[in-house]
């Protein structure tokens, strides 16, 4: 299993689905592609199965989970009341009854607040790896796990299955604008180039739709490279983040205008958040990226 979902209940549901639809055999390995809670918080559900499960991550991810996971989770939980208020505000502007019912459904308490809160569990991976090759055995397909350098975080792992020509990339390559808050913007494009040497047809990112070619991967790579170059030049020239956010617009970035990348990002964001009303402009995401690139420009 590559990544463990954002909470134990979601992971438990997935475990049951696997048993119903794929195999009754237990999950033997869980790979944490990086340390962010929405990819690791479900680890606890696999521990509760009572089966032997090994959790695999890079050495950097293992350390980051130990150092930051609890604090990050507490911060995320602390932000929930504000997020609920924001959803209520969006719901008040919606006209479609089905959208309002999603925000104030029968399975939720007053105004959309969940009826129950899950206990938080933060674990640390059992093993850290640079590369593992699981050889085929008893009809099981092999999977190559390998760490290809800094990108979305300091410890991203990519999982490649050569027989299926499929690769799982976590949040280092996915269907939304990249999150660069913990990223390494100067070296991230090179990491994507390294991943591109693998012979895959199907790319499964940490968010967004299945990708059946390399168009989005290449567009994301070019976007990070272009934006990083512009922010580096602006920083050298003494521009503030605010000035760069006004100057580097969606329309001015060639990488966003090439191959329909901007339209793809807007479309996937709307599809993934169809119940939450009108999405924020793509420029807001670009502005966040500008801020994070500026802050992380010299990370190596």
C-alpha atoms as a PDB file:
ATOM      1  CA  UNK A   1       0.000   0.000   0.000  1.00  0.00           C
ATOM      2  CA  UNK A   2       1.385   3.375  -1.005  1.00  0.00           C
ATOM      3  CA  UNK A   3       0.367   5.993   1.573  1.00  0.00           C
ATOM      4  CA  UNK A   4      -2.173   5.381   4.306  1.00  0.00           C
ATOM      5  CA  UNK A   5      -4.846   8.046   3.850  1.00  0.00           C
ATOM      6  CA  UNK A   6      -5.626  11.044   6.045  1.00  0.00           C
ATOM      7  CA  UNK A   7      -7.287   9.319   9.006  1.00  0.00           C
ATOM      8  CA  UNK A   8      -7.676   5.814  10.467  1.00  0.00           C
ATOM      9  CA  UNK A   9     -11.366   5.493   9.599  1.00  0.00           C
ATOM     10  CA  UNK A  10     -10.693   6.202   5.913  1.00  0.00           C
ATOM     11  CA  UNK A  11      -7.834   3.710   5.893  1.00  0.00           C
ATOM     12  CA  UNK A  12     -10.019   1.091   7.618  1.00  0.00           C
ATOM     13  CA  UNK A  13     -12.663   1.551   4.944  1.00  0.00           C
ATOM     14  CA  UNK A  14     -10.036   1.053   2.249  1.00  0.00           C
ATOM     15  CA  UNK A  15      -8.717  -2.088   3.965  1.00  0.00           C
ATOM     16  CA  UNK A  16     -12.227  -3.580   3.907  1.00  0.00           C
ATOM     17  CA  UNK A  17     -12.646  -2.611   0.260  1.00  0.00           C
ATOM     18  CA  UNK A  18      -9.375  -4.348  -0.623  1.00  0.00           C
ATOM     19  CA  UNK A  19     -10.568  -7.494   1.161  1.00  0.00           C
ATOM     20  CA  UNK A  20     -13.906  -7.413  -0.676  1.00  0.00           C
ATOM     21  CA  UNK A  21     -12.731  -6.511  -4.155  1.00  0.00           C
ATOM     22  CA  UNK A  22      -9.066  -7.500  -4.557  1.00  0.00           C
ATOM     23  CA  UNK A  23      -7.716 -10.050  -2.088  1.00  0.00           C
ATOM     24  CA  UNK A  24      -8.388 -11.421   1.366  1.00  0.00           C
ATOM     25  CA  UNK A  25      -4.653 -11.430   2.060  1.00  0.00           C
ATOM     26  CA  UNK A  26      -3.532  -8.771   4.546  1.00  0.00           C
ATOM     27  CA  UNK A  27      -1.491  -5.725   3.573  1.00  0.00           C
ATOM     28  CA  UNK A  28       2.127  -6.610   4.295  1.00  0.00           C
ATOM     29  CA  UNK A  29       3.881  -3.302   3.530  1.00  0.00           C
ATOM     30  CA  UNK A  30       2.788   0.332   3.791  1.00  0.00           C
ATOM     31  CA  UNK A  31       5.003   2.922   2.137  1.00  0.00           C
ATOM     32  CA  UNK A  32       4.869   6.475   3.470  1.00  0.00           C
ATOM     33  CA  UNK A  33       5.941   8.567   0.474  1.00  0.00           C
ATOM     34  CA  UNK A  34       6.520  11.555   2.761  1.00  0.00           C
ATOM     35  CA  UNK A  35       5.709  12.744   6.265  1.00  0.00           C
ATOM     36  CA  UNK A  36       2.602  14.902   5.763  1.00  0.00           C
ATOM     37  CA  UNK A  37      -0.350  13.860   7.903  1.00  0.00           C
ATOM     38  CA  UNK A  38      -2.805  13.399   5.041  1.00  0.00           C
ATOM     39  CA  UNK A  39      -0.591  10.542   3.812  1.00  0.00           C
ATOM     40  CA  UNK A  40       0.415   8.962   7.139  1.00  0.00           C
ATOM     41  CA  UNK A  41      -2.403   9.409   9.657  1.00  0.00           C
ATOM     42  CA  UNK A  42      -4.065   6.227   8.419  1.00  0.00           C
ATOM     43  CA  UNK A  43      -1.058   4.090   9.394  1.00  0.00           C
ATOM     44  CA  UNK A  44      -2.745   3.276  12.696  1.00  0.00           C
ATOM     45  CA  UNK A  45      -5.575   1.403  10.968  1.00  0.00           C
ATOM     46  CA  UNK A  46      -3.085  -1.077   9.515  1.00  0.00           C
ATOM     47  CA  UNK A  47      -1.563  -1.631  12.952  1.00  0.00           C
ATOM     48  CA  UNK A  48      -5.031  -2.413  14.310  1.00  0.00           C
ATOM     49  CA  UNK A  49      -5.530  -5.281  11.848  1.00  0.00           C
ATOM     50  CA  UNK A  50      -3.378  -7.515  14.041  1.00  0.00           C
ATOM     51  CA  UNK A  51      -1.367  -8.621  11.027  1.00  0.00           C
ATOM     52  CA  UNK A  52       2.355  -8.120  10.544  1.00  0.00           C
ATOM     53  CA  UNK A  53       2.788  -4.851   8.662  1.00  0.00           C
ATOM     54  CA  UNK A  54       6.068  -3.105   7.907  1.00  0.00           C
ATOM     55  CA  UNK A  55       5.985   0.662   7.389  1.00  0.00           C
ATOM     56  CA  UNK A  56       8.593   1.895   4.946  1.00  0.00           C
ATOM     57  CA  UNK A  57       9.890   5.412   4.381  1.00  0.00           C
ATOM     58  CA  UNK A  58      13.099   7.211   3.531  1.00  0.00           C
ATOM     59  CA  UNK A  59      15.447   8.060   6.381  1.00  0.00           C
ATOM     60  CA  UNK A  60      14.524  11.739   6.048  1.00  0.00           C
ATOM     61  CA  UNK A  61      10.808  10.997   6.205  1.00  0.00           C
ATOM     62  CA  UNK A  62      11.279   8.776   9.238  1.00  0.00           C
ATOM     63  CA  UNK A  63      13.102  11.621  11.009  1.00  0.00           C
ATOM     64  CA  UNK A  64      10.563  14.245   9.932  1.00  0.00           C
ATOM     65  CA  UNK A  65       7.698  12.072  11.179  1.00  0.00           C
ATOM     66  CA  UNK A  66       9.434  11.836  14.534  1.00  0.00           C
ATOM     67  CA  UNK A  67      10.243  15.551  14.724  1.00  0.00           C
ATOM     68  CA  UNK A  68       7.227  17.263  13.175  1.00  0.00           C
ATOM     69  CA  UNK A  69       4.238  14.948  12.802  1.00  0.00           C
ATOM     70  CA  UNK A  70       2.657  15.595  16.208  1.00  0.00           C
ATOM     71  CA  UNK A  71       3.062  19.377  16.036  1.00  0.00           C
ATOM     72  CA  UNK A  72       1.761  19.519  12.468  1.00  0.00           C
ATOM     73  CA  UNK A  73      -1.255  17.386  13.358  1.00  0.00           C
ATOM     74  CA  UNK A  74      -2.122  19.548  16.361  1.00  0.00           C
ATOM     75  CA  UNK A  75      -1.898  22.655  14.179  1.00  0.00           C
ATOM     76  CA  UNK A  76      -4.190  21.063  11.602  1.00  0.00           C
ATOM     77  CA  UNK A  77      -6.753  20.103  14.237  1.00  0.00           C
ATOM     78  CA  UNK A  78      -6.571  23.602  15.708  1.00  0.00           C
ATOM     79  CA  UNK A  79      -7.514  25.047  12.328  1.00  0.00           C
ATOM     80  CA  UNK A  80     -10.673  22.915  12.016  1.00  0.00           C
ATOM     81  CA  UNK A  81     -13.095  25.459  13.610  1.00  0.00           C
ATOM     82  CA  UNK A  82     -12.027  28.122  11.098  1.00  0.00           C
ATOM     83  CA  UNK A  83     -12.364  25.643   8.251  1.00  0.00           C
ATOM     84  CA  UNK A  84     -15.873  24.729   9.394  1.00  0.00           C
ATOM     85  CA  UNK A  85     -16.809  28.422   9.515  1.00  0.00           C
ATOM     86  CA  UNK A  86     -15.464  28.841   5.985  1.00  0.00           C
ATOM     87  CA  UNK A  87     -17.534  25.876   4.763  1.00  0.00           C
ATOM     88  CA  UNK A  88     -20.636  27.298   6.423  1.00  0.00           C
ATOM     89  CA  UNK A  89     -20.014  30.605   4.681  1.00  0.00           C
ATOM     90  CA  UNK A  90     -19.680  28.860   1.335  1.00  0.00           C
ATOM     91  CA  UNK A  91     -22.779  26.811   2.011  1.00  0.00           C
ATOM     92  CA  UNK A  92     -24.809  29.943   2.693  1.00  0.00           C
ATOM     93  CA  UNK A  93     -24.086  31.185  -0.819  1.00  0.00           C
ATOM     94  CA  UNK A  94     -25.006  27.955  -2.626  1.00  0.00           C
ATOM     95  CA  UNK A  95     -28.291  27.539  -4.431  1.00  0.00           C
ATOM     96  CA  UNK A  96     -28.254  23.811  -5.050  1.00  0.00           C
ATOM     97  CA  UNK A  97     -29.933  21.920  -2.243  1.00  0.00           C
ATOM     98  CA  UNK A  98     -27.672  18.917  -2.686  1.00  0.00           C
ATOM     99  CA  UNK A  99     -24.628  21.051  -1.939  1.00  0.00           C
ATOM    100  CA  UNK A 100     -26.193  22.504   1.166  1.00  0.00           C
ATOM    101  CA  UNK A 101     -27.192  19.032   2.332  1.00  0.00           C
ATOM    102  CA  UNK A 102     -23.587  17.911   1.891  1.00  0.00           C
ATOM    103  CA  UNK A 103     -22.486  20.614   4.300  1.00  0.00           C
ATOM    104  CA  UNK A 104     -25.378  19.954   6.719  1.00  0.00           C
ATOM    105  CA  UNK A 105     -26.058  16.276   6.114  1.00  0.00           C
ATOM    106  CA  UNK A 106     -27.797  13.838   8.474  1.00  0.00           C
ATOM    107  CA  UNK A 107     -24.483  12.266   9.403  1.00  0.00           C
ATOM    108  CA  UNK A 108     -23.194  15.560  10.739  1.00  0.00           C
ATOM    109  CA  UNK A 109     -23.987  17.590  13.789  1.00  0.00           C
ATOM    110  CA  UNK A 110     -24.994  21.262  13.880  1.00  0.00           C
ATOM    111  CA  UNK A 111     -24.042  23.044  10.655  1.00  0.00           C
ATOM    112  CA  UNK A 112     -21.785  20.353   9.305  1.00  0.00           C
ATOM    113  CA  UNK A 113     -19.591  19.597  12.316  1.00  0.00           C
ATOM    114  CA  UNK A 114     -18.784  15.873  12.422  1.00  0.00           C
ATOM    115  CA  UNK A 115     -20.625  13.961  15.143  1.00  0.00           C
ATOM    116  CA  UNK A 116     -17.461  12.342  16.370  1.00  0.00           C
ATOM    117  CA  UNK A 117     -13.779  13.157  16.513  1.00  0.00           C
ATOM    118  CA  UNK A 118     -11.196  10.509  15.805  1.00  0.00           C
ATOM    119  CA  UNK A 119      -8.394   9.849  18.205  1.00  0.00           C
ATOM    120  CA  UNK A 120      -5.122  10.965  16.683  1.00  0.00           C
ATOM    121  CA  UNK A 121      -2.285   8.483  16.355  1.00  0.00           C
ATOM    122  CA  UNK A 122       1.154   9.394  15.078  1.00  0.00           C
ATOM    123  CA  UNK A 123       3.610   6.604  14.387  1.00  0.00           C
ATOM    124  CA  UNK A 124       7.061   6.391  12.843  1.00  0.00           C
ATOM    125  CA  UNK A 125       8.075   4.149   9.970  1.00  0.00           C
ATOM    126  CA  UNK A 126       9.738   0.852  10.886  1.00  0.00           C
ATOM    127  CA  UNK A 127      12.314   0.913   8.100  1.00  0.00           C
ATOM    128  CA  UNK A 128      14.088   3.602   6.150  1.00  0.00           C
ATOM    129  CA  UNK A 129      15.332   2.779   2.678  1.00  0.00           C
ATOM    130  CA  UNK A 130      17.079   4.147  -0.348  1.00  0.00           C
ATOM    131  CA  UNK A 131      15.992   1.364  -2.661  1.00  0.00           C
ATOM    132  CA  UNK A 132      14.129  -1.910  -2.162  1.00  0.00           C
ATOM    133  CA  UNK A 133      13.248  -4.447  -4.822  1.00  0.00           C
ATOM    134  CA  UNK A 134      10.562  -6.939  -3.853  1.00  0.00           C
ATOM    135  CA  UNK A 135      11.017  -9.948  -6.131  1.00  0.00           C
ATOM    136  CA  UNK A 136       7.927 -11.685  -7.539  1.00  0.00           C
ATOM    137  CA  UNK A 137       6.833 -14.595  -5.381  1.00  0.00           C
ATOM    138  CA  UNK A 138       3.698 -16.713  -5.453  1.00  0.00           C
ATOM    139  CA  UNK A 139       2.271 -14.657  -8.268  1.00  0.00           C
ATOM    140  CA  UNK A 140       2.876 -11.321  -6.507  1.00  0.00           C
ATOM    141  CA  UNK A 141       4.080  -8.566  -8.788  1.00  0.00           C
ATOM    142  CA  UNK A 142       7.410  -6.957  -7.973  1.00  0.00           C
ATOM    143  CA  UNK A 143       7.623  -3.360  -6.881  1.00  0.00           C
ATOM    144  CA  UNK A 144      10.716  -1.176  -6.885  1.00  0.00           C
ATOM    145  CA  UNK A 145      10.784   1.429  -4.159  1.00  0.00           C
ATOM    146  CA  UNK A 146      13.365   4.126  -4.547  1.00  0.00           C
ATOM    147  CA  UNK A 147      14.251   7.544  -3.179  1.00  0.00           C
ATOM    148  CA  UNK A 148      15.113   9.951  -5.960  1.00  0.00           C
ATOM    149  CA  UNK A 149      16.089  13.140  -4.199  1.00  0.00           C
ATOM    150  CA  UNK A 150      14.519  16.188  -2.605  1.00  0.00           C
ATOM    151  CA  UNK A 151      11.309  17.575  -4.104  1.00  0.00           C
ATOM    152  CA  UNK A 152       8.015  18.064  -2.234  1.00  0.00           C
ATOM    153  CA  UNK A 153       9.860  17.266   1.018  1.00  0.00           C
ATOM    154  CA  UNK A 154      13.317  16.114   2.050  1.00  0.00           C
ATOM    155  CA  UNK A 155      12.382  12.454   1.829  1.00  0.00           C
ATOM    156  CA  UNK A 156      10.023  11.631  -1.029  1.00  0.00           C
ATOM    157  CA  UNK A 157       9.770   7.997  -2.125  1.00  0.00           C
ATOM    158  CA  UNK A 158       8.480   6.820  -5.496  1.00  0.00           C
ATOM    159  CA  UNK A 159       7.087   3.309  -5.979  1.00  0.00           C
ATOM    160  CA  UNK A 160       7.422   1.696  -9.397  1.00  0.00           C
ATOM    161  CA  UNK A 161       5.791  -1.534 -10.601  1.00  0.00           C
ATOM    162  CA  UNK A 162       7.505  -2.505 -13.882  1.00  0.00           C
ATOM    163  CA  UNK A 163       5.027  -5.210 -14.914  1.00  0.00           C
ATOM    164  CA  UNK A 164       2.134  -2.760 -14.796  1.00  0.00           C
ATOM    165  CA  UNK A 165       4.307   0.127 -15.974  1.00  0.00           C
ATOM    166  CA  UNK A 166       2.841   2.147 -13.104  1.00  0.00           C
ATOM    167  CA  UNK A 167       4.462   4.547 -10.677  1.00  0.00           C
ATOM    168  CA  UNK A 168       3.129   6.139  -7.493  1.00  0.00           C
ATOM    169  CA  UNK A 169       4.672   9.512  -6.783  1.00  0.00           C
ATOM    170  CA  UNK A 170       3.074  10.888  -3.621  1.00  0.00           C
ATOM    171  CA  UNK A 171       2.862  14.671  -3.738  1.00  0.00           C
ATOM    172  CA  UNK A 172       6.125  15.104  -5.636  1.00  0.00           C
ATOM    173  CA  UNK A 173       4.105  14.769  -8.853  1.00  0.00           C
ATOM    174  CA  UNK A 174       0.326  15.087  -8.793  1.00  0.00           C
ATOM    175  CA  UNK A 175      -2.715  16.729 -10.368  1.00  0.00           C
ATOM    176  CA  UNK A 176      -2.841  20.009  -8.428  1.00  0.00           C
ATOM    177  CA  UNK A 177      -0.480  22.944  -8.083  1.00  0.00           C
ATOM    178  CA  UNK A 178       2.573  21.745  -6.158  1.00  0.00           C
ATOM    179  CA  UNK A 179       2.765  22.453  -2.447  1.00  0.00           C
ATOM    180  CA  UNK A 180       6.215  23.981  -1.926  1.00  0.00           C
ATOM    181  CA  UNK A 181       5.954  24.821   1.789  1.00  0.00           C
ATOM    182  CA  UNK A 182       8.381  22.002   2.707  1.00  0.00           C
ATOM    183  CA  UNK A 183       9.865  21.789  -0.773  1.00  0.00           C
ATOM    184  CA  UNK A 184      13.208  22.205  -2.487  1.00  0.00           C
ATOM    185  CA  UNK A 185      12.337  24.343  -5.517  1.00  0.00           C
ATOM    186  CA  UNK A 186      15.778  24.476  -7.124  1.00  0.00           C
ATOM    187  CA  UNK A 187      16.300  20.719  -7.196  1.00  0.00           C
ATOM    188  CA  UNK A 188      12.692  19.535  -7.550  1.00  0.00           C
ATOM    189  CA  UNK A 189      12.699  19.649 -11.388  1.00  0.00           C
ATOM    190  CA  UNK A 190      15.811  17.467 -11.445  1.00  0.00           C
ATOM    191  CA  UNK A 191      14.106  14.925  -9.215  1.00  0.00           C
ATOM    192  CA  UNK A 192      11.200  14.766 -11.651  1.00  0.00           C
ATOM    193  CA  UNK A 193      13.709  14.289 -14.489  1.00  0.00           C
ATOM    194  CA  UNK A 194      15.208  11.337 -12.620  1.00  0.00           C
ATOM    195  CA  UNK A 195      11.770   9.790 -12.113  1.00  0.00           C
ATOM    196  CA  UNK A 196      11.110  10.239 -15.815  1.00  0.00           C
ATOM    197  CA  UNK A 197      13.808   7.686 -16.658  1.00  0.00           C
ATOM    198  CA  UNK A 198      11.537   4.895 -15.389  1.00  0.00           C
ATOM    199  CA  UNK A 199       9.515   3.070 -18.059  1.00  0.00           C
ATOM    200  CA  UNK A 200       5.989   3.847 -16.882  1.00  0.00           C
ATOM    201  CA  UNK A 201       2.713   4.590 -18.610  1.00  0.00           C
ATOM    202  CA  UNK A 202       0.499   5.204 -15.581  1.00  0.00           C
ATOM    203  CA  UNK A 203       1.307   7.814 -12.946  1.00  0.00           C
ATOM    204  CA  UNK A 204      -0.611   7.841  -9.668  1.00  0.00           C
ATOM    205  CA  UNK A 205      -0.056  11.079  -7.802  1.00  0.00           C
ATOM    206  CA  UNK A 206      -0.927  11.812  -4.217  1.00  0.00           C
ATOM    207  CA  UNK A 207      -3.864  13.984  -5.329  1.00  0.00           C
ATOM    208  CA  UNK A 208      -5.810  14.367  -8.537  1.00  0.00           C
ATOM    209  CA  UNK A 209      -6.657  11.956 -11.344  1.00  0.00           C
ATOM    210  CA  UNK A 210      -4.686   9.030 -12.735  1.00  0.00           C
ATOM    211  CA  UNK A 211      -2.279  10.273 -15.404  1.00  0.00           C
ATOM    212  CA  UNK A 212      -1.845   8.116 -18.497  1.00  0.00           C
ATOM    213  CA  UNK A 213       0.949  10.104 -20.114  1.00  0.00           C
ATOM    214  CA  UNK A 214       3.694  12.503 -19.030  1.00  0.00           C
ATOM    215  CA  UNK A 215       2.062  15.776 -20.003  1.00  0.00           C
ATOM    216  CA  UNK A 216       1.076  16.887 -16.490  1.00  0.00           C
ATOM    217  CA  UNK A 217       4.336  15.648 -14.992  1.00  0.00           C
ATOM    218  CA  UNK A 218       6.325  17.670 -17.518  1.00  0.00           C
ATOM    219  CA  UNK A 219       4.116  20.714 -17.057  1.00  0.00           C
ATOM    220  CA  UNK A 220       4.557  20.609 -13.275  1.00  0.00           C
ATOM    221  CA  UNK A 221       8.300  20.244 -13.673  1.00  0.00           C
ATOM    222  CA  UNK A 222       8.484  23.214 -16.051  1.00  0.00           C
ATOM    223  CA  UNK A 223       6.247  25.328 -13.819  1.00  0.00           C
ATOM    224  CA  UNK A 224       8.426  24.792 -10.751  1.00  0.00           C
ATOM    225  CA  UNK A 225      11.554  25.538 -12.761  1.00  0.00           C
ATOM    226  CA  UNK A 226      10.121  28.681 -14.371  1.00  0.00           C
ATOM    227  CA  UNK A 227       8.646  30.073 -11.160  1.00  0.00           C
ATOM    228  CA  UNK A 228      11.821  29.352  -9.210  1.00  0.00           C
ATOM    229  CA  UNK A 229      13.904  31.149 -11.841  1.00  0.00           C
ATOM    230  CA  UNK A 230      11.650  34.198 -11.777  1.00  0.00           C
ATOM    231  CA  UNK A 231      11.560  34.348  -7.975  1.00  0.00           C
ATOM    232  CA  UNK A 232      15.356  34.008  -7.831  1.00  0.00           C
ATOM    233  CA  UNK A 233      15.752  36.885 -10.260  1.00  0.00           C
ATOM    234  CA  UNK A 234      13.214  38.974  -8.365  1.00  0.00           C
ATOM    235  CA  UNK A 235      14.866  38.305  -5.032  1.00  0.00           C
ATOM    236  CA  UNK A 236      18.246  39.262  -6.463  1.00  0.00           C
ATOM    237  CA  UNK A 237      16.728  42.492  -7.779  1.00  0.00           C
ATOM    238  CA  UNK A 238      15.327  43.298  -4.334  1.00  0.00           C
ATOM    239  CA  UNK A 239      11.659  42.697  -5.120  1.00  0.00           C
ATOM    240  CA  UNK A 240       9.381  41.817  -2.216  1.00  0.00           C
ATOM    241  CA  UNK A 241       7.122  38.784  -2.229  1.00  0.00           C
ATOM    242  CA  UNK A 242       4.122  41.059  -2.692  1.00  0.00           C
ATOM    243  CA  UNK A 243       5.685  42.731  -5.706  1.00  0.00           C
ATOM    244  CA  UNK A 244       6.452  39.376  -7.280  1.00  0.00           C
ATOM    245  CA  UNK A 245       2.919  38.145  -6.631  1.00  0.00           C
ATOM    246  CA  UNK A 246       1.616  41.087  -8.646  1.00  0.00           C
ATOM    247  CA  UNK A 247       4.166  40.594 -11.420  1.00  0.00           C
ATOM    248  CA  UNK A 248       4.170  36.791 -11.859  1.00  0.00           C
ATOM    249  CA  UNK A 249       0.622  36.058 -12.926  1.00  0.00           C
ATOM    250  CA  UNK A 250      -1.058  32.956 -14.318  1.00  0.00           C
ATOM    251  CA  UNK A 251      -1.211  34.646 -17.710  1.00  0.00           C
ATOM    252  CA  UNK A 252       2.483  35.587 -17.655  1.00  0.00           C
ATOM    253  CA  UNK A 253       3.859  32.134 -16.781  1.00  0.00           C
ATOM    254  CA  UNK A 254       4.580  30.238 -19.996  1.00  0.00           C
ATOM    255  CA  UNK A 255       4.558  26.873 -18.227  1.00  0.00           C
ATOM    256  CA  UNK A 256       0.974  27.403 -17.075  1.00  0.00           C
ATOM    257  CA  UNK A 257      -0.149  28.428 -20.552  1.00  0.00           C
ATOM    258  CA  UNK A 258       1.565  25.503 -22.296  1.00  0.00           C
ATOM    259  CA  UNK A 259      -0.272  22.222 -22.976  1.00  0.00           C
ATOM    260  CA  UNK A 260      -3.398  23.499 -21.250  1.00  0.00           C
ATOM    261  CA  UNK A 261      -1.784  23.134 -17.817  1.00  0.00           C
ATOM    262  CA  UNK A 262      -3.655  26.045 -16.184  1.00  0.00           C
ATOM    263  CA  UNK A 263      -6.994  24.792 -17.514  1.00  0.00           C
ATOM    264  CA  UNK A 264      -6.186  21.285 -16.264  1.00  0.00           C
ATOM    265  CA  UNK A 265      -5.405  22.580 -12.776  1.00  0.00           C
ATOM    266  CA  UNK A 266      -8.632  24.572 -12.585  1.00  0.00           C
ATOM    267  CA  UNK A 267     -10.665  21.636 -13.868  1.00  0.00           C
ATOM    268  CA  UNK A 268      -9.227  19.061 -11.460  1.00  0.00           C
ATOM    269  CA  UNK A 269      -9.598  21.439  -8.520  1.00  0.00           C
ATOM    270  CA  UNK A 270     -13.252  22.042  -9.335  1.00  0.00           C
ATOM    271  CA  UNK A 271     -13.943  18.340  -9.806  1.00  0.00           C
ATOM    272  CA  UNK A 272     -12.254  17.421  -6.541  1.00  0.00           C
ATOM    273  CA  UNK A 273     -14.120  20.071  -4.576  1.00  0.00           C
ATOM    274  CA  UNK A 274     -17.464  20.015  -6.358  1.00  0.00           C
ATOM    275  CA  UNK A 275     -19.452  20.181  -3.120  1.00  0.00           C
ATOM    276  CA  UNK A 276     -17.735  23.264  -1.736  1.00  0.00           C
ATOM    277  CA  UNK A 277     -18.850  25.992  -4.096  1.00  0.00           C
ATOM    278  CA  UNK A 278     -16.689  28.224  -6.238  1.00  0.00           C
ATOM    279  CA  UNK A 279     -12.979  27.588  -5.836  1.00  0.00           C
ATOM    280  CA  UNK A 280     -10.394  30.247  -5.148  1.00  0.00           C
ATOM    281  CA  UNK A 281      -8.665  31.655  -8.245  1.00  0.00           C
ATOM    282  CA  UNK A 282      -5.617  29.784  -9.524  1.00  0.00           C
ATOM    283  CA  UNK A 283      -3.607  32.950  -8.905  1.00  0.00           C
ATOM    284  CA  UNK A 284      -4.071  32.450  -5.165  1.00  0.00           C
ATOM    285  CA  UNK A 285      -2.243  29.139  -5.442  1.00  0.00           C
ATOM    286  CA  UNK A 286       0.492  30.709  -7.555  1.00  0.00           C
ATOM    287  CA  UNK A 287       0.888  33.453  -4.953  1.00  0.00           C
ATOM    288  CA  UNK A 288       1.311  30.821  -2.226  1.00  0.00           C
ATOM    289  CA  UNK A 289       3.929  29.092  -4.379  1.00  0.00           C
ATOM    290  CA  UNK A 290       5.780  32.396  -4.865  1.00  0.00           C
ATOM    291  CA  UNK A 291       5.883  32.894  -1.101  1.00  0.00           C
ATOM    292  CA  UNK A 292       7.162  29.366  -0.496  1.00  0.00           C
ATOM    293  CA  UNK A 293       9.747  29.462  -3.276  1.00  0.00           C
ATOM    294  CA  UNK A 294      11.050  32.745  -1.874  1.00  0.00           C
ATOM    295  CA  UNK A 295      11.345  31.199   1.595  1.00  0.00           C
ATOM    296  CA  UNK A 296      12.895  27.916   0.416  1.00  0.00           C
ATOM    297  CA  UNK A 297      14.990  29.148  -2.484  1.00  0.00           C
ATOM    298  CA  UNK A 298      18.318  28.164  -0.976  1.00  0.00           C
ATOM    299  CA  UNK A 299      17.264  24.831   0.519  1.00  0.00           C
ATOM    300  CA  UNK A 300      19.580  22.030  -0.639  1.00  0.00           C
END
